[in-house]
Protein backbone atom coordinates (compact mmCIF):
# COMPACT_ATOMS: atom_id res chain seq x y z
CA MET A 1 195.34 182.73 121.68
CA LEU A 2 198.88 184.33 120.76
CA ILE A 3 198.72 188.05 120.42
CA ALA A 4 201.62 189.93 118.74
CA GLY A 5 203.26 193.10 119.95
CA SER A 6 202.85 196.55 118.52
CA GLY A 7 203.76 197.73 115.20
CA PRO A 8 203.36 195.62 111.70
CA THR A 9 203.76 192.28 113.41
CA ASP A 10 202.50 189.11 111.84
CA ARG A 11 201.06 185.90 113.19
CA ASN A 12 204.88 184.49 113.48
CA GLY A 13 205.91 187.31 115.48
CA ASN A 14 207.81 188.98 112.63
CA SER A 15 207.77 192.57 111.80
CA SER A 16 208.34 194.34 108.36
CA LEU A 17 210.52 196.80 110.06
CA GLU A 18 212.98 194.27 111.31
CA ALA A 19 215.71 192.77 109.03
CA GLY A 20 214.85 189.08 109.12
CA PRO A 21 212.44 186.70 110.75
CA VAL A 22 212.40 186.23 114.58
CA ASN A 23 209.53 183.97 114.83
CA THR A 24 208.82 184.33 118.47
CA LEU A 25 205.11 183.40 118.36
CA LYS A 26 205.81 180.67 115.57
CA THR A 27 208.32 179.04 118.05
CA LEU A 28 205.84 179.44 121.04
CA ALA A 29 203.01 177.89 119.06
CA ASP A 30 205.32 174.96 118.00
CA TRP A 31 206.27 174.47 121.81
CA LEU A 32 202.65 174.30 122.81
CA SER A 33 201.92 172.04 119.97
CA GLN A 34 204.48 169.62 121.04
CA ASP A 35 202.65 169.36 124.50
CA GLY A 36 199.47 168.88 122.80
CA VAL A 37 198.12 172.47 123.05
CA ALA A 38 196.33 174.18 120.21
CA SER A 39 197.14 177.76 119.48
CA LEU A 40 195.71 180.54 117.33
CA ARG A 41 197.77 183.09 115.81
CA TYR A 42 196.73 185.63 113.16
CA ASP A 43 198.04 188.55 111.25
CA LYS A 44 196.94 191.86 112.75
CA LEU A 45 195.32 194.16 110.42
CA GLY A 46 197.77 195.94 108.25
CA SER A 47 200.46 193.18 108.65
CA GLY A 48 201.36 189.65 107.02
CA LYS A 49 199.15 188.51 104.42
CA THR A 50 196.12 190.49 105.82
CA GLY A 51 197.10 193.86 104.97
CA LEU A 52 194.57 196.52 105.56
CA GLY A 53 191.67 195.11 103.53
CA PRO A 54 188.65 197.39 103.27
CA TYR A 55 190.60 199.92 105.03
CA THR A 56 193.27 200.39 102.65
CA LEU A 57 191.95 203.85 101.41
CA ASP A 58 191.37 205.05 104.94
CA PRO A 59 193.16 203.16 107.72
CA ARG A 60 191.58 205.57 110.48
CA ARG A 61 188.18 203.80 109.83
CA SER A 62 189.43 200.32 110.95
CA ALA A 63 187.58 198.98 114.06
CA CYS A 64 188.89 199.06 117.49
CA ARG A 65 191.88 196.37 117.68
CA SER A 66 190.32 194.65 120.68
CA THR A 67 187.29 193.51 118.69
CA SER A 68 189.07 191.38 116.40
CA LYS A 69 190.78 189.63 119.49
CA ARG A 70 187.44 189.23 121.35
CA ARG A 71 186.05 187.63 118.05
CA ALA A 72 189.18 185.35 117.78
CA VAL A 73 188.57 184.05 121.36
CA ARG A 74 184.84 183.55 120.65
CA TRP A 75 185.76 181.61 117.47
CA SER A 76 188.25 179.33 119.25
CA SER A 77 185.81 178.43 121.89
CA SER A 78 183.16 177.37 119.26
CA GLN A 79 185.57 174.86 117.47
CA GLY A 80 183.81 171.78 119.10
CA LYS A 81 185.55 168.74 120.21
CA ASP A 82 188.70 170.22 118.88
CA VAL A 83 189.12 172.83 121.70
CA ASN A 84 188.28 172.68 125.34
CA ASP A 85 186.23 175.92 125.97
CA HIS A 86 187.08 175.68 129.70
CA GLU A 87 190.66 175.80 129.31
CA LEU A 88 191.19 179.07 127.13
CA GLY A 89 194.22 181.11 127.26
CA VAL A 90 195.41 184.34 126.05
CA PHE A 91 199.13 185.23 125.70
CA GLY A 92 200.52 188.39 124.70
CA HIS A 93 203.92 189.79 123.60
CA SER A 94 204.90 193.23 124.52
CA GLU A 95 201.88 195.44 123.67
CA GLY A 96 199.83 192.34 122.87
CA GLY A 97 200.14 191.70 126.75
CA LEU A 98 197.76 194.60 127.28
CA PHE A 99 195.19 193.18 125.03
CA ALA A 100 195.66 189.79 126.70
CA LEU A 101 194.98 191.55 130.09
CA LEU A 102 191.83 193.18 128.55
CA LEU A 103 190.67 189.98 127.33
CA ALA A 104 191.39 188.04 130.58
CA THR A 105 189.83 190.60 133.11
CA GLY A 106 186.56 191.04 130.69
CA HIS A 107 187.66 194.78 129.98
CA ALA A 108 187.51 194.11 126.22
CA GLY A 109 184.06 193.15 126.31
CA SER A 110 182.13 189.62 126.65
CA THR A 111 184.41 186.63 125.61
CA PRO A 112 184.08 183.12 127.08
CA PRO A 113 186.06 182.96 130.30
CA ILE A 114 190.02 183.10 130.14
CA HIS A 115 191.62 180.27 132.16
CA ALA A 116 195.49 181.11 131.52
CA LEU A 117 197.19 184.38 131.02
CA GLY A 118 200.69 184.80 129.62
CA LEU A 119 202.49 188.12 129.47
CA PHE A 120 205.75 187.99 127.44
CA GLU A 121 207.93 191.14 127.73
CA PRO A 122 205.10 193.27 128.88
CA LEU A 123 205.54 196.99 128.64
CA SER A 124 207.72 198.41 131.43
CA GLN A 125 205.75 201.49 131.88
CA ARG A 126 202.20 202.89 131.45
CA TYR A 127 201.10 202.72 127.80
CA LEU A 128 200.37 206.41 127.79
CA ASP A 129 203.62 207.49 129.16
CA LEU A 130 205.26 205.58 126.67
CA ILE A 131 203.71 207.18 123.57
CA THR A 132 203.46 210.75 125.09
CA PRO A 133 206.28 212.93 124.28
CA ARG A 134 208.27 213.83 127.34
CA SER A 135 207.67 217.47 126.72
CA MET A 136 203.94 216.94 126.96
CA ARG A 137 204.11 214.90 130.40
CA HIS A 138 203.20 216.76 133.59
């Protein structure tokens, strides 16, 4: 499973905040595919074709973001002969690396065992330090 970074980043690694397509996750999925490795990418809530769905009127009601990732891993492992559930991996870009770590270590809740972990450009500092204004840090 490939997990996008922060912001309105879609399944391909593109953001509506950027001028054009970057396709980081699409490129990675293509490389994996060339080596016979299946991958799962998806639009995060609020990005790509997904939009906000039932949370359009009140985005604050949306479920915890790790819940959707946990469900995606479970779904992937249930795909029978097309997926070897003993070789599942999670790969995250930027903030997606935090979710990949949570899944791989079991801190995101119950998932099938994760056997491979990839962190692409993970955050260089603690997430709370990154989002807390300097004036509020002790």
